[in-house]
PDB file of all heavy atoms in Angstrom:
ATOM      1  N   ASN A   1     137.371  53.529-134.023  1.00  0.00           N
ATOM      2  CA  ASN A   1     137.469  53.886-132.568  1.00  0.00           C
ATOM      3  C   ASN A   1     138.657  53.099-131.902  1.00  0.00           C
ATOM      4  O   ASN A   1     139.244  52.316-132.509  1.00  0.00           O
ATOM      5  CB  ASN A   1     136.166  53.340-131.901  1.00  0.00           C
ATOM      6  CG  ASN A   1     134.989  53.992-132.594  1.00  0.00           C
ATOM      7  OD1 ASN A   1     134.964  55.086-132.873  1.00  0.00           O
ATOM      8  ND2 ASN A   1     133.848  53.196-132.634  1.00  0.00           N
ATOM      9  N   SER A   2     138.873  53.650-130.750  1.00  0.00           N
ATOM     10  CA  SER A   2     140.003  52.966-129.983  1.00  0.00           C
ATOM     11  C   SER A   2     141.261  52.965-130.737  1.00  0.00           C
ATOM     12  O   SER A   2     141.910  51.881-130.801  1.00  0.00           O
ATOM     13  CB  SER A   2     139.621  51.651-129.436  1.00  0.00           C
ATOM     14  OG  SER A   2     138.456  51.700-128.578  1.00  0.00           O
ATOM     15  N   LEU A   3     141.618  54.019-131.400  1.00  0.00           N
ATOM     16  CA  LEU A   3     142.730  54.022-132.273  1.00  0.00           C
ATOM     17  C   LEU A   3     144.015  53.800-131.527  1.00  0.00           C
ATOM     18  O   LEU A   3     144.277  54.204-130.356  1.00  0.00           O
ATOM     19  CB  LEU A   3     142.794  55.350-133.061  1.00  0.00           C
ATOM     20  CG  LEU A   3     141.785  55.323-134.239  1.00  0.00           C
ATOM     21  CD1 LEU A   3     141.546  56.867-134.716  1.00  0.00           C
ATOM     22  CD2 LEU A   3     142.257  54.513-135.381  1.00  0.00           C
ATOM     23  N   LYS A   4     145.017  53.137-132.185  1.00  0.00           N
ATOM     24  CA  LYS A   4     146.333  52.766-131.695  1.00  0.00           C
ATOM     25  C   LYS A   4     147.368  53.367-132.561  1.00  0.00           C
ATOM     26  O   LYS A   4     147.206  53.589-133.747  1.00  0.00           O
ATOM     27  CB  LYS A   4     146.506  51.305-131.639  1.00  0.00           C
ATOM     28  CG  LYS A   4     145.394  50.515-130.876  1.00  0.00           C
ATOM     29  CD  LYS A   4     145.604  49.098-131.003  1.00  0.00           C
ATOM     30  CE  LYS A   4     144.487  48.217-130.292  1.00  0.00           C
ATOM     31  NZ  LYS A   4     144.753  46.801-130.374  1.00  0.00           N
ATOM     32  N   PRO A   5     148.549  53.602-131.953  1.00  0.00           N
ATOM     33  CA  PRO A   5     149.620  54.119-132.843  1.00  0.00           C
ATOM     34  C   PRO A   5     149.972  53.280-134.022  1.00  0.00           C
ATOM     35  O   PRO A   5     150.304  53.809-135.069  1.00  0.00           O
ATOM     36  CB  PRO A   5     150.829  54.170-131.880  1.00  0.00           C
ATOM     37  CG  PRO A   5     150.244  54.429-130.521  1.00  0.00           C
ATOM     38  CD  PRO A   5     148.927  53.544-130.597  1.00  0.00           C
ATOM     39  N   GLU A   6     149.742  52.008-133.938  1.00  0.00           N
ATOM     40  CA  GLU A   6     150.014  51.077-135.112  1.00  0.00           C
ATOM     41  C   GLU A   6     148.948  51.251-136.236  1.00  0.00           C
ATOM     42  O   GLU A   6     149.131  50.673-137.268  1.00  0.00           O
ATOM     43  CB  GLU A   6     150.135  49.596-134.607  1.00  0.00           C
ATOM     44  CG  GLU A   6     149.020  49.131-133.771  1.00  0.00           C
ATOM     45  CD  GLU A   6     149.296  49.176-132.242  1.00  0.00           C
ATOM     46  OE1 GLU A   6     149.816  50.212-131.837  1.00  0.00           O
ATOM     47  OE2 GLU A   6     149.020  48.229-131.677  1.00  0.00           O
ATOM     48  N   ASP A   7     147.902  52.008-135.940  1.00  0.00           N
ATOM     49  CA  ASP A   7     146.920  52.301-136.958  1.00  0.00           C
ATOM     50  C   ASP A   7     147.411  53.409-137.904  1.00  0.00           C
ATOM     51  O   ASP A   7     146.704  53.749-138.904  1.00  0.00           O
ATOM     52  CB  ASP A   7     145.563  52.754-136.449  1.00  0.00           C
ATOM     53  CG  ASP A   7     144.934  51.603-135.644  1.00  0.00           C
ATOM     54  OD1 ASP A   7     144.950  50.454-136.145  1.00  0.00           O
ATOM     55  OD2 ASP A   7     144.287  51.774-134.540  1.00  0.00           O
ATOM     56  N   THR A   8     148.560  54.065-137.544  1.00  0.00           N
ATOM     57  CA  THR A   8     149.021  55.187-138.295  1.00  0.00           C
ATOM     58  C   THR A   8     149.323  54.732-139.744  1.00  0.00           C
ATOM     59  O   THR A   8     150.142  53.682-139.892  1.00  0.00           O
ATOM     60  CB  THR A   8     150.255  55.762-137.616  1.00  0.00           C
ATOM     61  OG1 THR A   8     149.883  56.386-136.420  1.00  0.00           O
ATOM     62  CG2 THR A   8     150.902  56.744-138.532  1.00  0.00           C
ATOM     63  N   ALA A   9     148.832  55.373-140.747  1.00  0.00           N
ATOM     64  CA  ALA A   9     149.082  54.930-142.121  1.00  0.00           C
ATOM     65  C   ALA A   9     148.331  55.909-143.085  1.00  0.00           C
ATOM     66  O   ALA A   9     147.453  56.763-142.550  1.00  0.00           O
ATOM     67  CB  ALA A   9     148.585  53.489-142.434  1.00  0.00           C
ATOM     68  N   VAL A  10     148.582  55.776-144.366  1.00  0.00           N
ATOM     69  CA  VAL A  10     147.702  56.333-145.358  1.00  0.00           C
ATOM     70  C   VAL A  10     146.585  55.458-145.737  1.00  0.00           C
ATOM     71  O   VAL A  10     146.833  54.250-145.981  1.00  0.00           O
ATOM     72  CB  VAL A  10     148.422  56.705-146.648  1.00  0.00           C
ATOM     73  CG1 VAL A  10     147.600  57.351-147.702  1.00  0.00           C
ATOM     74  CG2 VAL A  10     149.545  57.775-146.325  1.00  0.00           C
ATOM     75  N   TYR A  11     145.341  55.898-145.522  1.00  0.00           N
ATOM     76  CA  TYR A  11     144.096  55.079-145.770  1.00  0.00           C
ATOM     77  C   TYR A  11     143.634  55.393-147.128  1.00  0.00           C
ATOM     78  O   TYR A  11     143.397  56.508-147.534  1.00  0.00           O
ATOM     79  CB  TYR A  11     143.189  55.334-144.703  1.00  0.00           C
ATOM     80  CG  TYR A  11     143.429  54.660-143.456  1.00  0.00           C
ATOM     81  CD1 TYR A  11     144.623  55.166-142.531  1.00  0.00           C
ATOM     82  CD2 TYR A  11     142.723  53.546-142.904  1.00  0.00           C
ATOM     83  CE1 TYR A  11     144.870  54.485-141.477  1.00  0.00           C
ATOM     84  CE2 TYR A  11     143.065  52.933-141.762  1.00  0.00           C
ATOM     85  CZ  TYR A  11     144.157  53.447-140.968  1.00  0.00           C
ATOM     86  OH  TYR A  11     144.521  52.821-139.798  1.00  0.00           O
ATOM     87  N   TYR A  12     143.339  54.224-147.861  1.00  0.00           N
ATOM     88  CA  TYR A  12     142.813  54.392-149.274  1.00  0.00           C
ATOM     89  C   TYR A  12     141.460  53.667-149.400  1.00  0.00           C
ATOM     90  O   TYR A  12     141.282  52.571-148.827  1.00  0.00           O
ATOM     91  CB  TYR A  12     143.793  53.705-150.254  1.00  0.00           C
ATOM     92  CG  TYR A  12     145.229  54.256-150.323  1.00  0.00           C
ATOM     93  CD1 TYR A  12     146.214  53.786-149.507  1.00  0.00           C
ATOM     94  CD2 TYR A  12     145.409  55.296-151.160  1.00  0.00           C
ATOM     95  CE1 TYR A  12     147.534  54.357-149.528  1.00  0.00           C
ATOM     96  CE2 TYR A  12     146.696  55.822-151.285  1.00  0.00           C
ATOM     97  CZ  TYR A  12     147.751  55.343-150.505  1.00  0.00           C
ATOM     98  OH  TYR A  12     148.948  55.845-150.560  1.00  0.00           O
ATOM     99  N   CYS A  13     140.649  54.304-150.133  1.00  0.00           N
ATOM    100  CA  CYS A  13     139.412  53.747-150.502  1.00  0.00           C
ATOM    101  C   CYS A  13     139.447  53.108-151.854  1.00  0.00           C
ATOM    102  O   CYS A  13     140.255  53.611-152.746  1.00  0.00           O
ATOM    103  CB  CYS A  13     138.410  54.892-150.576  1.00  0.00           C
ATOM    104  SG  CYS A  13     136.724  54.501-151.108  1.00  0.00           S
ATOM    105  N   ALA A  14     138.819  51.981-152.040  1.00  0.00           N
ATOM    106  CA  ALA A  14     138.883  51.334-153.285  1.00  0.00           C
ATOM    107  C   ALA A  14     137.537  50.644-153.578  1.00  0.00           C
ATOM    108  O   ALA A  14     136.726  50.432-152.788  1.00  0.00           O
ATOM    109  CB  ALA A  14     139.859  50.133-153.234  1.00  0.00           C
ATOM    110  N   ALA A  15     137.289  50.454-155.004  1.00  0.00           N
ATOM    111  CA  ALA A  15     136.087  49.974-155.445  1.00  0.00           C
ATOM    112  C   ALA A  15     136.369  48.874-156.487  1.00  0.00           C
ATOM    113  O   ALA A  15     137.324  49.035-157.297  1.00  0.00           O
ATOM    114  CB  ALA A  15     135.126  51.000-156.083  1.00  0.00           C
ATOM    115  N   GLY A  16     135.565  47.809-156.532  1.00  0.00           N
ATOM    116  CA  GLY A  16     135.892  46.841-157.428  1.00  0.00           C
ATOM    117  C   GLY A  16     134.609  45.900-157.773  1.00  0.00           C
ATOM    118  O   GLY A  16     133.818  45.821-156.799  1.00  0.00           O
ATOM    119  N   SER A  17     134.588  45.383-158.894  1.00  0.00           N
ATOM    120  CA  SER A  17     133.444  44.487-159.279  1.00  0.00           C
ATOM    121  C   SER A  17     133.761  43.074-158.721  1.00  0.00           C
ATOM    122  O   SER A  17     134.070  42.208-159.571  1.00  0.00           O
ATOM    123  CB  SER A  17     133.228  44.548-160.742  1.00  0.00           C
ATOM    124  OG  SER A  17     133.021  45.840-161.261  1.00  0.00           O
ATOM    125  N   ILE A  18     133.640  42.930-157.495  1.00  0.00           N
ATOM    126  CA  ILE A  18     133.885  41.642-156.881  1.00  0.00           C
ATOM    127  C   ILE A  18     132.631  41.133-156.247  1.00  0.00           C
ATOM    128  O   ILE A  18     132.004  41.732-155.237  1.00  0.00           O
ATOM    129  CB  ILE A  18     135.033  41.791-155.728  1.00  0.00           C
ATOM    130  CG1 ILE A  18     136.153  42.505-156.243  1.00  0.00           C
ATOM    131  CG2 ILE A  18     135.281  40.378-155.183  1.00  0.00           C
ATOM    132  CD1 ILE A  18     137.109  42.921-155.144  1.00  0.00           C
ATOM    133  N   TYR A  19     132.181  40.007-156.646  1.00  0.00           N
ATOM    134  CA  TYR A  19     130.896  39.497-156.206  1.00  0.00           C
ATOM    135  C   TYR A  19     130.989  38.123-155.539  1.00  0.00           C
ATOM    136  O   TYR A  19     131.380  37.169-156.202  1.00  0.00           O
ATOM    137  CB  TYR A  19     129.812  39.461-157.263  1.00  0.00           C
ATOM    138  CG  TYR A  19     129.693  40.786-158.049  1.00  0.00           C
ATOM    139  CD1 TYR A  19     130.169  40.944-159.353  1.00  0.00           C
ATOM    140  CD2 TYR A  19     129.202  41.858-157.450  1.00  0.00           C
ATOM    141  CE1 TYR A  19     129.977  42.158-160.052  1.00  0.00           C
ATOM    142  CE2 TYR A  19     129.081  43.125-158.071  1.00  0.00           C
ATOM    143  CZ  TYR A  19     129.432  43.214-159.334  1.00  0.00           C
ATOM    144  OH  TYR A  19     129.347  44.437-160.036  1.00  0.00           O
ATOM    145  N   ARG A  20     130.639  38.028-154.315  1.00  0.00           N
ATOM    146  CA  ARG A  20     130.521  36.781-153.676  1.00  0.00           C
ATOM    147  C   ARG A  20     131.897  35.990-153.798  1.00  0.00           C
ATOM    148  O   ARG A  20     131.887  34.630-153.972  1.00  0.00           O
ATOM    149  CB  ARG A  20     129.331  35.992-154.149  1.00  0.00           C
ATOM    150  CG  ARG A  20     128.045  36.695-153.861  1.00  0.00           C
ATOM    151  CD  ARG A  20     126.853  35.959-154.451  1.00  0.00           C
ATOM    152  NE  ARG A  20     125.657  36.771-154.123  1.00  0.00           N
ATOM    153  CZ  ARG A  20     124.421  36.448-154.569  1.00  0.00           C
ATOM    154  NH1 ARG A  20     124.309  35.358-155.242  1.00  0.00           N
ATOM    155  NH2 ARG A  20     123.397  37.186-154.280  1.00  0.00           N
ATOM    156  N   ARG A  21     132.944  36.723-153.611  1.00  0.00           N
ATOM    157  CA  ARG A  21     134.206  35.975-153.541  1.00  0.00           C
ATOM    158  C   ARG A  21     135.015  36.518-152.365  1.00  0.00           C
ATOM    159  O   ARG A  21     135.909  37.363-152.485  1.00  0.00           O
ATOM    160  CB  ARG A  21     135.031  36.338-154.878  1.00  0.00           C
ATOM    161  CG  ARG A  21     134.556  35.698-156.120  1.00  0.00           C
ATOM    162  CD  ARG A  21     134.585  34.094-156.006  1.00  0.00           C
ATOM    163  NE  ARG A  21     135.825  33.640-155.800  1.00  0.00           N
ATOM    164  CZ  ARG A  21     136.686  33.185-156.749  1.00  0.00           C
ATOM    165  NH1 ARG A  21     136.339  33.220-157.988  1.00  0.00           N
ATOM    166  NH2 ARG A  21     137.860  32.714-156.453  1.00  0.00           N
ATOM    167  N   PRO A  22     134.661  35.889-151.234  1.00  0.00           N
ATOM    168  CA  PRO A  22     135.390  36.408-150.000  1.00  0.00           C
ATOM    169  C   PRO A  22     136.897  36.336-150.026  1.00  0.00           C
ATOM    170  O   PRO A  22     137.627  37.058-149.372  1.00  0.00           O
ATOM    171  CB  PRO A  22     134.797  35.523-148.964  1.00  0.00           C
ATOM    172  CG  PRO A  22     133.464  35.121-149.522  1.00  0.00           C
ATOM    173  CD  PRO A  22     133.647  34.947-150.912  1.00  0.00           C
ATOM    174  N   ASP A  23     137.423  35.411-150.864  1.00  0.00           N
ATOM    175  CA  ASP A  23     138.864  35.262-151.089  1.00  0.00           C
ATOM    176  C   ASP A  23     139.462  36.430-151.766  1.00  0.00           C
ATOM    177  O   ASP A  23     140.706  36.504-151.765  1.00  0.00           O
ATOM    178  CB  ASP A  23     139.185  33.921-151.606  1.00  0.00           C
ATOM    179  CG  ASP A  23     138.457  33.721-152.983  1.00  0.00           C
ATOM    180  OD1 ASP A  23     137.284  34.102-153.049  1.00  0.00           O
ATOM    181  OD2 ASP A  23     138.984  32.986-153.874  1.00  0.00           O
ATOM    182  N   TYR A  24     138.625  37.177-152.437  1.00  0.00           N
ATOM    183  CA  TYR A  24     139.175  38.293-153.147  1.00  0.00           C
ATOM    184  C   TYR A  24     139.120  39.605-152.391  1.00  0.00           C
ATOM    185  O   TYR A  24     139.894  40.598-152.763  1.00  0.00           O
ATOM    186  CB  TYR A  24     138.371  38.555-154.475  1.00  0.00           C
ATOM    187  CG  TYR A  24     138.627  37.558-155.562  1.00  0.00           C
ATOM    188  CD1 TYR A  24     139.469  36.421-155.440  1.00  0.00           C
ATOM    189  CD2 TYR A  24     137.982  37.639-156.808  1.00  0.00           C
ATOM    190  CE1 TYR A  24     139.736  35.555-156.464  1.00  0.00           C
ATOM    191  CE2 TYR A  24     138.163  36.727-157.864  1.00  0.00           C
ATOM    192  CZ  TYR A  24     139.070  35.701-157.651  1.00  0.00           C
ATOM    193  OH  TYR A  24     139.341  34.908-158.635  1.00  0.00           O
ATOM    194  N   TYR A  25     138.266  39.692-151.434  1.00  0.00           N
ATOM    195  CA  TYR A  25     138.013  41.016-150.775  1.00  0.00           C
ATOM    196  C   TYR A  25     139.240  41.690-150.137  1.00  0.00           C
ATOM    197  O   TYR A  25     139.386  42.865-150.226  1.00  0.00           O
ATOM    198  CB  TYR A  25     136.961  40.914-149.815  1.00  0.00           C
ATOM    199  CG  TYR A  25     135.642  40.409-150.217  1.00  0.00           C
ATOM    200  CD1 TYR A  25     134.702  39.633-149.475  1.00  0.00           C
ATOM    201  CD2 TYR A  25     135.195  40.744-151.519  1.00  0.00           C
ATOM    202  CE1 TYR A  25     133.458  39.285-149.857  1.00  0.00           C
ATOM    203  CE2 TYR A  25     133.945  40.360-151.975  1.00  0.00           C
ATOM    204  CZ  TYR A  25     133.075  39.591-151.162  1.00  0.00           C
ATOM    205  OH  TYR A  25     131.897  39.189-151.639  1.00  0.00           O
ATOM    206  N   SER A  26     140.123  40.881-149.708  1.00  0.00           N
ATOM    207  CA  SER A  26     141.356  41.506-149.042  1.00  0.00           C
ATOM    208  C   SER A  26     142.543  41.585-149.917  1.00  0.00           C
ATOM    209  O   SER A  26     143.578  42.100-149.528  1.00  0.00           O
ATOM    210  CB  SER A  26     141.740  40.585-147.812  1.00  0.00           C
ATOM    211  OG  SER A  26     142.159  39.246-148.281  1.00  0.00           O
ATOM    212  N   ASP A  27     142.302  41.333-151.162  1.00  0.00           N
ATOM    213  CA  ASP A  27     143.452  41.314-152.196  1.00  0.00           C
ATOM    214  C   ASP A  27     143.279  42.553-152.940  1.00  0.00           C
ATOM    215  O   ASP A  27     142.361  42.829-153.781  1.00  0.00           O
ATOM    216  CB  ASP A  27     143.289  40.179-153.132  1.00  0.00           C
ATOM    217  CG  ASP A  27     144.445  40.119-154.185  1.00  0.00           C
ATOM    218  OD1 ASP A  27     145.226  41.102-154.212  1.00  0.00           O
ATOM    219  OD2 ASP A  27     144.436  39.195-155.037  1.00  0.00           O
ATOM    220  N   TYR A  28     144.261  43.606-152.765  1.00  0.00           N
ATOM    221  CA  TYR A  28     144.062  44.892-153.310  1.00  0.00           C
ATOM    222  C   TYR A  28     144.223  44.890-154.841  1.00  0.00           C
ATOM    223  O   TYR A  28     143.785  45.791-155.562  1.00  0.00           O
ATOM    224  CB  TYR A  28     145.074  45.936-152.719  1.00  0.00           C
ATOM    225  CG  TYR A  28     146.538  45.681-153.004  1.00  0.00           C
ATOM    226  CD1 TYR A  28     147.195  46.172-154.135  1.00  0.00           C
ATOM    227  CD2 TYR A  28     147.317  45.043-152.079  1.00  0.00           C
ATOM    228  CE1 TYR A  28     148.521  45.988-154.366  1.00  0.00           C
ATOM    229  CE2 TYR A  28     148.608  44.833-152.338  1.00  0.00           C
ATOM    230  CZ  TYR A  28     149.225  45.236-153.483  1.00  0.00           C
ATOM    231  OH  TYR A  28     150.603  45.146-153.822  1.00  0.00           O
ATOM    232  N   HIS A  29     144.844  43.843-155.406  1.00  0.00           N
ATOM    233  CA  HIS A  29     144.905  43.734-156.834  1.00  0.00           C
ATOM    234  C   HIS A  29     143.549  43.573-157.508  1.00  0.00           C
ATOM    235  O   HIS A  29     143.339  43.816-158.719  1.00  0.00           O
ATOM    236  CB  HIS A  29     145.793  42.536-157.316  1.00  0.00           C
ATOM    237  CG  HIS A  29     147.130  42.658-156.759  1.00  0.00           C
ATOM    238  ND1 HIS A  29     147.619  41.974-155.611  1.00  0.00           N
ATOM    239  CD2 HIS A  29     148.211  43.326-157.334  1.00  0.00           C
ATOM    240  CE1 HIS A  29     148.955  42.292-155.490  1.00  0.00           C
ATOM    241  NE2 HIS A  29     149.303  43.068-156.506  1.00  0.00           N
ATOM    242  N   ARG A  30     142.574  43.174-156.798  1.00  0.00           N
ATOM    243  CA  ARG A  30     141.247  42.815-157.329  1.00  0.00           C
ATOM    244  C   ARG A  30     140.331  44.084-157.518  1.00  0.00           C
ATOM    245  O   ARG A  30     139.254  44.001-157.970  1.00  0.00           O
ATOM    246  CB  ARG A  30     140.539  41.862-156.459  1.00  0.00           C
ATOM    247  CG  ARG A  30     141.144  40.546-156.283  1.00  0.00           C
ATOM    248  CD  ARG A  30     141.153  39.825-157.585  1.00  0.00           C
ATOM    249  NE  ARG A  30     141.824  38.489-157.462  1.00  0.00           N
ATOM    250  CZ  ARG A  30     141.853  37.534-158.443  1.00  0.00           C
ATOM    251  NH1 ARG A  30     141.276  37.805-159.582  1.00  0.00           N
ATOM    252  NH2 ARG A  30     142.520  36.445-158.254  1.00  0.00           N
ATOM    253  N   TYR A  31     140.853  45.191-156.962  1.00  0.00           N
ATOM    254  CA  TYR A  31     140.042  46.420-157.041  1.00  0.00           C
ATOM    255  C   TYR A  31     140.435  47.330-158.285  1.00  0.00           C
ATOM    256  O   TYR A  31     141.635  47.319-158.627  1.00  0.00           O
ATOM    257  CB  TYR A  31     140.211  47.221-155.755  1.00  0.00           C
ATOM    258  CG  TYR A  31     139.599  46.534-154.563  1.00  0.00           C
ATOM    259  CD1 TYR A  31     140.206  45.514-153.969  1.00  0.00           C
ATOM    260  CD2 TYR A  31     138.345  46.969-154.083  1.00  0.00           C
ATOM    261  CE1 TYR A  31     139.628  44.756-152.830  1.00  0.00           C
ATOM    262  CE2 TYR A  31     137.832  46.352-152.957  1.00  0.00           C
ATOM    263  CZ  TYR A  31     138.350  45.240-152.386  1.00  0.00           C
ATOM    264  OH  TYR A  31     137.875  44.622-151.345  1.00  0.00           O
ATOM    265  N   ASP A  32     139.469  47.906-158.779  1.00  0.00           N
ATOM    266  CA  ASP A  32     139.587  48.704-160.015  1.00  0.00           C
ATOM    267  C   ASP A  32     139.843  50.105-159.828  1.00  0.00           C
ATOM    268  O   ASP A  32     140.509  50.789-160.749  1.00  0.00           O
ATOM    269  CB  ASP A  32     138.332  48.443-160.922  1.00  0.00           C
ATOM    270  CG  ASP A  32     137.981  47.085-161.091  1.00  0.00           C
ATOM    271  OD1 ASP A  32     138.813  46.283-161.590  1.00  0.00           O
ATOM    272  OD2 ASP A  32     136.828  46.623-160.819  1.00  0.00           O
ATOM    273  N   TYR A  33     139.296  50.762-158.868  1.00  0.00           N
ATOM    274  CA  TYR A  33     139.353  52.178-158.636  1.00  0.00           C
ATOM    275  C   TYR A  33     139.930  52.457-157.234  1.00  0.00           C
ATOM    276  O   TYR A  33     139.601  51.789-156.291  1.00  0.00           O
ATOM    277  CB  TYR A  33     137.998  52.791-158.833  1.00  0.00           C
ATOM    278  CG  TYR A  33     137.279  52.471-160.078  1.00  0.00           C
ATOM    279  CD1 TYR A  33     136.287  51.535-160.192  1.00  0.00           C
ATOM    280  CD2 TYR A  33     137.654  53.204-161.341  1.00  0.00           C
ATOM    281  CE1 TYR A  33     135.685  51.307-161.391  1.00  0.00           C
ATOM    282  CE2 TYR A  33     137.100  52.897-162.486  1.00  0.00           C
ATOM    283  CZ  TYR A  33     136.055  51.953-162.559  1.00  0.00           C
ATOM    284  OH  TYR A  33     135.488  51.658-163.725  1.00  0.00           O
ATOM    285  N   TRP A  34     140.768  53.557-157.165  1.00  0.00           N
ATOM    286  CA  TRP A  34     141.320  53.950-155.918  1.00  0.00           C
ATOM    287  C   TRP A  34     141.236  55.356-155.754  1.00  0.00           C
ATOM    288  O   TRP A  34     141.383  56.215-156.661  1.00  0.00           O
ATOM    289  CB  TRP A  34     142.875  53.470-155.962  1.00  0.00           C
ATOM    290  CG  TRP A  34     143.092  52.048-155.806  1.00  0.00           C
ATOM    291  CD1 TRP A  34     143.080  51.104-156.918  1.00  0.00           C
ATOM    292  CD2 TRP A  34     143.214  51.292-154.655  1.00  0.00           C
ATOM    293  NE1 TRP A  34     143.220  49.855-156.422  1.00  0.00           N
ATOM    294  CE2 TRP A  34     143.301  49.932-155.040  1.00  0.00           C
ATOM    295  CE3 TRP A  34     143.325  51.578-153.328  1.00  0.00           C
ATOM    296  CZ2 TRP A  34     143.520  48.835-154.171  1.00  0.00           C
ATOM    297  CZ3 TRP A  34     143.527  50.544-152.385  1.00  0.00           C
ATOM    298  CH2 TRP A  34     143.599  49.243-152.788  1.00  0.00           C
ATOM    299  N   GLY A  35     141.230  55.756-154.409  1.00  0.00           N
ATOM    300  CA  GLY A  35     141.286  57.183-154.106  1.00  0.00           C
ATOM    301  C   GLY A  35     142.748  57.562-153.895  1.00  0.00           C
ATOM    302  O   GLY A  35     143.637  56.758-154.104  1.00  0.00           O
ATOM    303  N   GLN A  36     143.013  58.855-153.611  1.00  0.00           N
ATOM    304  CA  GLN A  36     144.364  59.324-153.474  1.00  0.00           C
ATOM    305  C   GLN A  36     144.937  59.124-152.046  1.00  0.00           C
ATOM    306  O   GLN A  36     146.135  59.257-151.836  1.00  0.00           O
ATOM    307  CB  GLN A  36     144.366  60.816-153.753  1.00  0.00           C
ATOM    308  CG  GLN A  36     143.904  61.782-152.614  1.00  0.00           C
ATOM    309  CD  GLN A  36     142.426  61.674-152.345  1.00  0.00           C
ATOM    310  OE1 GLN A  36     141.673  61.147-153.023  1.00  0.00           O
ATOM    311  NE2 GLN A  36     142.076  62.296-151.243  1.00  0.00           N
ATOM    312  N   GLY A  37     144.047  58.744-151.109  1.00  0.00           N
ATOM    313  CA  GLY A  37     144.569  58.427-149.736  1.00  0.00           C
ATOM    314  C   GLY A  37     144.344  59.558-148.842  1.00  0.00           C
ATOM    315  O   GLY A  37     144.348  60.803-149.255  1.00  0.00           O
ATOM    316  N   THR A  38     144.238  59.260-147.541  1.00  0.00           N
ATOM    317  CA  THR A  38     144.133  60.286-146.525  1.00  0.00           C
ATOM    318  C   THR A  38     144.985  59.721-145.385  1.00  0.00           C
ATOM    319  O   THR A  38     144.942  58.617-144.928  1.00  0.00           O
ATOM    320  CB  THR A  38     142.688  60.602-146.063  1.00  0.00           C
ATOM    321  OG1 THR A  38     142.627  61.649-145.196  1.00  0.00           O
ATOM    322  CG2 THR A  38     141.990  59.278-145.467  1.00  0.00           C
ATOM    323  N   GLN A  39     145.769  60.681-144.772  1.00  0.00           N
ATOM    324  CA  GLN A  39     146.752  60.328-143.775  1.00  0.00           C
ATOM    325  C   GLN A  39     146.000  60.240-142.445  1.00  0.00           C
ATOM    326  O   GLN A  39     145.297  61.174-142.026  1.00  0.00           O
ATOM    327  CB  GLN A  39     147.835  61.395-143.639  1.00  0.00           C
ATOM    328  CG  GLN A  39     148.836  61.151-142.545  1.00  0.00           C
ATOM    329  CD  GLN A  39     149.713  59.885-142.743  1.00  0.00           C
ATOM    330  OE1 GLN A  39     150.241  59.626-143.825  1.00  0.00           O
ATOM    331  NE2 GLN A  39     149.834  59.169-141.722  1.00  0.00           N
ATOM    332  N   VAL A  40     146.255  59.115-141.631  1.00  0.00           N
ATOM    333  CA  VAL A  40     145.751  58.965-140.295  1.00  0.00           C
ATOM    334  C   VAL A  40     147.090  58.851-139.444  1.00  0.00           C
ATOM    335  O   VAL A  40     147.859  57.930-139.699  1.00  0.00           O
ATOM    336  CB  VAL A  40     144.897  57.805-140.139  1.00  0.00           C
ATOM    337  CG1 VAL A  40     144.586  57.537-138.682  1.00  0.00           C
ATOM    338  CG2 VAL A  40     143.573  58.018-140.905  1.00  0.00           C
ATOM    339  N   THR A  41     147.221  59.640-138.425  1.00  0.00           N
ATOM    340  CA  THR A  41     148.366  59.650-137.524  1.00  0.00           C
ATOM    341  C   THR A  41     147.757  59.550-136.085  1.00  0.00           C
ATOM    342  O   THR A  41     146.948  60.381-135.614  1.00  0.00           O
ATOM    343  CB  THR A  41     149.225  60.806-137.629  1.00  0.00           C
ATOM    344  OG1 THR A  41     149.672  60.899-138.979  1.00  0.00           O
ATOM    345  CG2 THR A  41     150.400  60.653-136.722  1.00  0.00           C
ATOM    346  N   VAL A  42     148.194  58.458-135.345  1.00  0.00           N
ATOM    347  CA  VAL A  42     147.800  58.247-134.018  1.00  0.00           C
ATOM    348  C   VAL A  42     148.982  58.341-133.103  1.00  0.00           C
ATOM    349  O   VAL A  42     149.933  57.615-133.179  1.00  0.00           O
ATOM    350  CB  VAL A  42     147.119  56.905-133.780  1.00  0.00           C
ATOM    351  CG1 VAL A  42     146.610  56.656-132.429  1.00  0.00           C
ATOM    352  CG2 VAL A  42     146.061  56.645-134.891  1.00  0.00           C
TER     353      VAL A  42
END
């Protein structure tokens, strides 16, 4: 909601076997599976 022009990007979904490691959640290297992406333009 309340989208801004700076939100413009390709958005990717990812899945990973990350359990109770908050320090890993924001690290894209920790994820095992990725989607192809969807473009969002604001």
